[in-house]
């Protein structure tokens, strides 16, 4: 046996039996990294909604349209039109259209822009990421409508002051809450389409078809066919959402909202969440 072989054998014996007077310390097992806190995840998802060009310009568009809507009511509306309800409706209309697109892009960007490769590597549990996006979507809808109602109140005061009349506060707290709920449901429709389709152009086209093609067709069918007129409140989710803007819903109207929401929102969202957990991010 050569000296090198003897030295190697001795070293191997020493590593195998560290208790026999050796100073060698066995390698410590690697510590698992701590999971990312939920609060940080929510902050990241909120920032991701606005730090892209599309998100930034969509939010700028909401602000610009809110100012234009307020000015239009003041300029083109008569004294009878200068009410809190009209100002709130004028400002809230562009929000109801644009906010769901932001909700859609918050999901589809993970696949369309391939940011999901990083997101789902840092947070392997996709359910946590999608839940954070959902929470941020709902919170954004509530805050946005709060801002719209505040701007509407300011416009109502300014408009009444310019016209020299008393401001009309014809929007109750209950109606403001149902309008906020309608806005959140619209955002959830966009969110659902993003989760289900996972492609930005496809999801946005699907949203516009749902909102501006199916809805007018349903209205035309209800005007010409009595059988659909009776079924529409139980089948058309967009129609039942419209009752939220009027407020003071009856028990039957709340039931109709729940039934249509189940088939148009809850079930497709559940299917989309199932697919998201198993879809490949390329």
Protein backbone atom coordinates (compact mmCIF):
# COMPACT_ATOMS: atom_id res chain seq x y z
CA UNK A 1 0.00 0.00 0.00
CA UNK A 2 1.43 3.38 -0.94
CA UNK A 3 1.55 6.41 1.34
CA UNK A 4 -1.22 8.18 -0.62
CA UNK A 5 -3.55 5.20 -0.32
CA UNK A 6 -2.86 4.94 3.38
CA UNK A 7 -3.57 8.64 3.89
CA UNK A 8 -6.88 8.40 1.98
CA UNK A 9 -7.95 5.40 4.03
CA UNK A 10 -7.09 7.21 7.23
CA UNK A 11 -9.07 10.32 6.19
CA UNK A 12 -12.10 8.25 5.26
CA UNK A 13 -11.94 6.49 8.61
CA UNK A 14 -11.68 9.81 10.42
CA UNK A 15 -14.75 11.29 8.59
CA UNK A 16 -16.74 8.15 9.26
CA UNK A 17 -15.90 8.20 12.99
CA UNK A 18 -15.78 11.83 14.10
CA UNK A 19 -16.19 10.87 17.73
CA UNK A 20 -12.65 9.50 17.94
CA UNK A 21 -10.83 12.72 18.75
CA UNK A 22 -11.26 14.55 15.45
CA UNK A 23 -12.22 18.16 15.08
CA UNK A 24 -14.32 17.53 11.95
CA UNK A 25 -17.92 18.65 12.29
CA UNK A 26 -20.65 16.98 10.28
CA UNK A 27 -22.37 19.24 7.72
CA UNK A 28 -25.51 20.84 9.08
CA UNK A 29 -28.74 20.23 7.13
CA UNK A 30 -29.93 23.17 5.01
CA UNK A 31 -32.63 25.25 6.60
CA UNK A 32 -35.83 25.69 4.64
CA UNK A 33 -36.41 29.31 3.71
CA UNK A 34 -39.27 31.03 5.52
CA UNK A 35 -42.43 31.47 3.44
CA UNK A 36 -43.15 34.93 2.08
CA UNK A 37 -45.56 36.74 4.44
CA UNK A 38 -49.08 37.29 3.17
CA UNK A 39 -48.89 41.06 3.70
CA UNK A 40 -45.81 41.29 1.51
CA UNK A 41 -47.52 39.15 -1.12
CA UNK A 42 -50.53 41.49 -1.13
CA UNK A 43 -48.27 44.54 -1.47
CA UNK A 44 -46.42 42.97 -4.39
CA UNK A 45 -49.64 42.04 -6.20
CA UNK A 46 -51.04 45.54 -5.67
CA UNK A 47 -47.86 47.12 -7.06
CA UNK A 48 -47.90 44.75 -10.05
CA UNK A 49 -51.34 46.06 -11.00
CA UNK A 50 -49.98 49.55 -11.64
CA UNK A 51 -46.27 49.32 -12.43
CA UNK A 52 -46.87 48.13 -16.00
CA UNK A 53 -47.64 50.47 -18.90
CA UNK A 54 -51.10 49.01 -19.38
CA UNK A 55 -51.99 49.29 -15.70
CA UNK A 56 -50.62 52.82 -15.44
CA UNK A 57 -52.49 54.09 -18.49
CA UNK A 58 -55.71 52.38 -17.46
CA UNK A 59 -55.59 54.13 -14.09
CA UNK A 60 -54.75 57.44 -15.79
CA UNK A 61 -57.70 56.85 -18.09
CA UNK A 62 -60.01 56.40 -15.09
CA UNK A 63 -58.83 59.71 -13.62
CA UNK A 64 -59.18 61.59 -16.90
CA UNK A 65 -62.63 60.15 -17.60
CA UNK A 66 -63.77 60.98 -14.05
CA UNK A 67 -62.84 64.64 -14.58
CA UNK A 68 -64.49 64.72 -18.01
CA UNK A 69 -67.64 63.05 -16.68
CA UNK A 70 -67.92 65.57 -13.85
CA UNK A 71 -67.42 68.49 -16.23
CA UNK A 72 -69.95 67.07 -18.70
CA UNK A 73 -72.67 66.90 -16.06
CA UNK A 74 -71.96 70.52 -15.08
CA UNK A 75 -71.83 71.85 -18.65
CA UNK A 76 -74.52 69.84 -20.43
CA UNK A 77 -76.87 69.03 -17.57
CA UNK A 78 -79.68 71.30 -16.47
CA UNK A 79 -80.31 72.36 -12.89
CA UNK A 80 -82.46 69.27 -12.38
CA UNK A 81 -79.57 67.04 -13.46
CA UNK A 82 -77.13 68.40 -10.89
CA UNK A 83 -77.71 65.67 -8.33
CA UNK A 84 -75.37 63.43 -6.38
CA UNK A 85 -76.81 60.36 -8.09
CA UNK A 86 -76.02 61.70 -11.58
CA UNK A 87 -72.50 62.78 -10.65
CA UNK A 88 -71.76 59.40 -9.04
CA UNK A 89 -73.18 57.51 -12.03
CA UNK A 90 -71.19 59.59 -14.53
CA UNK A 91 -67.94 58.97 -12.67
CA UNK A 92 -68.65 55.33 -11.84
CA UNK A 93 -69.52 54.28 -15.41
CA UNK A 94 -65.95 54.38 -16.81
CA UNK A 95 -64.70 52.68 -13.65
CA UNK A 96 -67.09 49.78 -14.12
CA UNK A 97 -65.67 49.29 -17.64
CA UNK A 98 -61.95 49.79 -16.98
CA UNK A 99 -61.46 48.24 -13.53
CA UNK A 100 -62.40 44.69 -14.68
CA UNK A 101 -59.71 44.95 -17.38
CA UNK A 102 -57.14 45.76 -14.69
CA UNK A 103 -58.33 42.72 -12.73
CA UNK A 104 -58.01 40.58 -15.85
CA UNK A 105 -54.48 41.74 -16.62
CA UNK A 106 -53.37 41.14 -13.03
CA UNK A 107 -53.88 37.41 -13.67
CA UNK A 108 -53.08 36.99 -17.35
CA UNK A 109 -49.78 38.90 -17.12
CA UNK A 110 -48.29 35.92 -15.27
CA UNK A 111 -48.72 33.88 -18.45
CA UNK A 112 -48.67 36.49 -21.24
CA UNK A 113 -45.57 38.30 -19.92
CA UNK A 114 -43.99 35.16 -18.43
CA UNK A 115 -43.67 36.79 -15.02
CA UNK A 116 -45.23 33.63 -13.63
CA UNK A 117 -41.89 31.88 -14.05
CA UNK A 118 -40.53 34.13 -11.29
CA UNK A 119 -43.72 34.46 -9.26
CA UNK A 120 -44.42 30.74 -8.97
CA UNK A 121 -40.77 29.97 -8.30
CA UNK A 122 -40.66 32.33 -5.33
CA UNK A 123 -44.14 31.25 -4.19
CA UNK A 124 -44.64 27.63 -5.31
CA UNK A 125 -48.15 27.47 -3.83
CA UNK A 126 -50.11 29.04 -6.67
CA UNK A 127 -53.23 29.19 -4.53
CA UNK A 128 -51.59 31.82 -2.31
CA UNK A 129 -50.72 33.98 -5.29
CA UNK A 130 -54.20 33.78 -6.83
CA UNK A 131 -55.81 34.43 -3.44
CA UNK A 132 -53.65 37.54 -3.00
CA UNK A 133 -54.68 38.76 -6.46
CA UNK A 134 -58.33 38.15 -5.56
CA UNK A 135 -58.09 40.07 -2.28
CA UNK A 136 -56.35 42.99 -3.99
CA UNK A 137 -58.99 42.99 -6.74
CA UNK A 138 -61.86 43.23 -4.26
CA UNK A 139 -60.06 45.89 -2.20
CA UNK A 140 -59.33 47.96 -5.31
CA UNK A 141 -62.99 47.84 -6.35
CA UNK A 142 -64.13 49.07 -2.94
CA UNK A 143 -61.54 51.85 -2.77
CA UNK A 144 -62.20 52.94 -6.37
CA UNK A 145 -65.93 53.32 -5.75
CA UNK A 146 -65.20 55.20 -2.53
CA UNK A 147 -63.07 57.62 -4.55
CA UNK A 148 -65.80 57.89 -7.21
CA UNK A 149 -68.43 58.71 -4.60
CA UNK A 150 -66.13 61.29 -3.00
CA UNK A 151 -65.45 62.97 -6.36
CA UNK A 152 -69.19 62.86 -7.10
CA UNK A 153 -69.92 64.61 -3.80
CA UNK A 154 -67.36 67.30 -4.62
CA UNK A 155 -68.78 67.73 -8.13
CA UNK A 156 -72.29 67.97 -6.68
CA UNK A 157 -71.22 70.76 -4.33
CA UNK A 158 -69.33 72.66 -7.02
CA UNK A 159 -72.05 72.22 -9.63
CA UNK A 160 -74.79 73.36 -7.27
CA UNK A 161 -72.67 76.35 -6.20
CA UNK A 162 -72.09 77.42 -9.82
CA UNK A 163 -75.79 77.01 -10.68
CA UNK A 164 -76.84 78.83 -7.52
CA UNK A 165 -79.04 76.00 -6.23
CA UNK A 166 -79.10 73.77 -3.19
CA UNK A 167 -77.15 70.50 -3.64
CA UNK A 168 -79.35 67.43 -4.01
CA UNK A 169 -78.19 64.36 -2.04
CA UNK A 170 -80.40 61.67 -3.54
CA UNK A 171 -78.06 58.70 -3.10
CA UNK A 172 -78.67 56.72 0.07
CA UNK A 173 -76.00 54.80 1.97
CA UNK A 174 -77.70 51.52 1.08
CA UNK A 175 -77.66 52.37 -2.63
CA UNK A 176 -74.01 53.39 -2.40
CA UNK A 177 -73.21 49.97 -0.89
CA UNK A 178 -75.10 48.06 -3.60
CA UNK A 179 -73.36 50.12 -6.31
CA UNK A 180 -70.02 49.24 -4.73
CA UNK A 181 -71.04 45.57 -4.73
CA UNK A 182 -71.96 45.80 -8.42
CA UNK A 183 -68.52 47.26 -9.18
CA UNK A 184 -66.76 44.49 -7.24
CA UNK A 185 -68.80 41.83 -9.07
CA UNK A 186 -67.83 43.38 -12.41
CA UNK A 187 -64.17 43.20 -11.38
CA UNK A 188 -64.63 39.58 -10.34
CA UNK A 189 -66.01 38.81 -13.81
CA UNK A 190 -62.79 40.19 -15.29
CA UNK A 191 -60.76 38.28 -12.72
CA UNK A 192 -62.65 35.06 -13.52
CA UNK A 193 -62.02 35.43 -17.25
CA UNK A 194 -58.33 36.01 -16.57
CA UNK A 195 -58.09 32.88 -14.44
CA UNK A 196 -60.10 30.81 -16.92
CA UNK A 197 -58.42 31.93 -20.18
CA UNK A 198 -54.95 33.00 -18.91
CA UNK A 199 -54.26 35.05 -22.05
CA UNK A 200 -54.53 38.84 -22.04
CA UNK A 201 -56.06 39.45 -25.52
CA UNK A 202 -58.38 36.45 -25.22
CA UNK A 203 -59.61 37.40 -21.75
CA UNK A 204 -60.19 41.06 -22.69
CA UNK A 205 -62.10 40.05 -25.83
CA UNK A 206 -64.13 37.63 -23.72
CA UNK A 207 -64.94 40.44 -21.29
CA UNK A 208 -66.15 42.77 -24.04
CA UNK A 209 -68.23 39.99 -25.61
CA UNK A 210 -69.83 39.27 -22.25
CA UNK A 211 -70.48 42.94 -21.49
CA UNK A 212 -71.28 44.49 -24.88
CA UNK A 213 -72.49 41.62 -27.05
CA UNK A 214 -74.35 39.14 -24.85
CA UNK A 215 -76.03 41.85 -22.77
CA UNK A 216 -77.62 43.75 -25.72
CA UNK A 217 -78.66 40.44 -27.30
CA UNK A 218 -80.30 39.41 -24.05
CA UNK A 219 -82.16 42.72 -23.88
CA UNK A 220 -83.37 42.45 -27.47
CA UNK A 221 -84.50 38.88 -26.89
CA UNK A 222 -86.39 39.91 -23.76
CA UNK A 223 -88.22 42.63 -25.70
CA UNK A 224 -89.34 40.24 -28.43
CA UNK A 225 -89.76 36.93 -26.58
CA UNK A 226 -91.92 36.65 -23.49
CA UNK A 227 -90.39 33.32 -22.43
CA UNK A 228 -86.94 34.93 -22.17
CA UNK A 229 -88.39 37.99 -20.44
CA UNK A 230 -89.50 35.66 -17.64
CA UNK A 231 -86.22 33.75 -17.55
CA UNK A 232 -83.85 36.72 -17.90
CA UNK A 233 -83.70 37.58 -14.17
CA UNK A 234 -82.72 33.96 -13.46
CA UNK A 235 -80.28 33.53 -16.36
CA UNK A 236 -78.65 36.91 -17.14
CA UNK A 237 -76.03 37.88 -14.54
CA UNK A 238 -75.49 41.29 -16.10
CA UNK A 239 -79.22 42.00 -15.86
CA UNK A 240 -79.36 41.09 -12.17
CA UNK A 241 -76.26 43.23 -11.52
CA UNK A 242 -78.17 46.18 -12.97
CA UNK A 243 -80.67 45.97 -10.13
CA UNK A 244 -77.82 46.73 -7.71
CA UNK A 245 -77.46 50.21 -9.19
CA UNK A 246 -81.10 50.92 -8.37
CA UNK A 247 -80.84 49.73 -4.75
CA UNK A 248 -83.61 48.47 -2.44
CA UNK A 249 -83.51 44.91 -3.78
CA UNK A 250 -86.27 42.51 -2.81
CA UNK A 251 -85.62 39.03 -1.46
CA UNK A 252 -86.40 37.54 -4.88
CA UNK A 253 -83.93 39.88 -6.59
CA UNK A 254 -81.17 38.87 -4.16
CA UNK A 255 -81.98 35.22 -4.91
CA UNK A 256 -81.81 35.88 -8.65
CA UNK A 257 -78.45 37.60 -8.17
CA UNK A 258 -77.16 34.59 -6.26
CA UNK A 259 -78.38 32.06 -8.84
CA UNK A 260 -76.98 33.92 -11.85
CA UNK A 261 -73.74 34.66 -9.98
CA UNK A 262 -73.33 30.96 -9.22
CA UNK A 263 -73.50 29.93 -12.88
CA UNK A 264 -71.74 32.92 -14.47
CA UNK A 265 -69.10 33.65 -11.82
CA UNK A 266 -68.61 31.06 -9.08
CA UNK A 267 -68.56 27.86 -11.16
CA UNK A 268 -66.33 29.24 -13.99
CA UNK A 269 -63.98 30.71 -11.36
CA UNK A 270 -63.72 27.35 -9.60
CA UNK A 271 -62.91 25.66 -12.92
CA UNK A 272 -60.31 28.32 -13.69
CA UNK A 273 -58.66 27.94 -10.29
CA UNK A 274 -58.46 24.18 -10.83
CA UNK A 275 -56.76 24.71 -14.20
CA UNK A 276 -54.39 27.40 -12.88
CA UNK A 277 -52.93 25.01 -10.30
CA UNK A 278 -52.05 22.56 -13.07
CA UNK A 279 -51.25 24.75 -16.07
CA UNK A 280 -47.71 25.07 -17.32
CA UNK A 281 -46.10 28.51 -17.31
CA UNK A 282 -43.80 28.92 -20.32
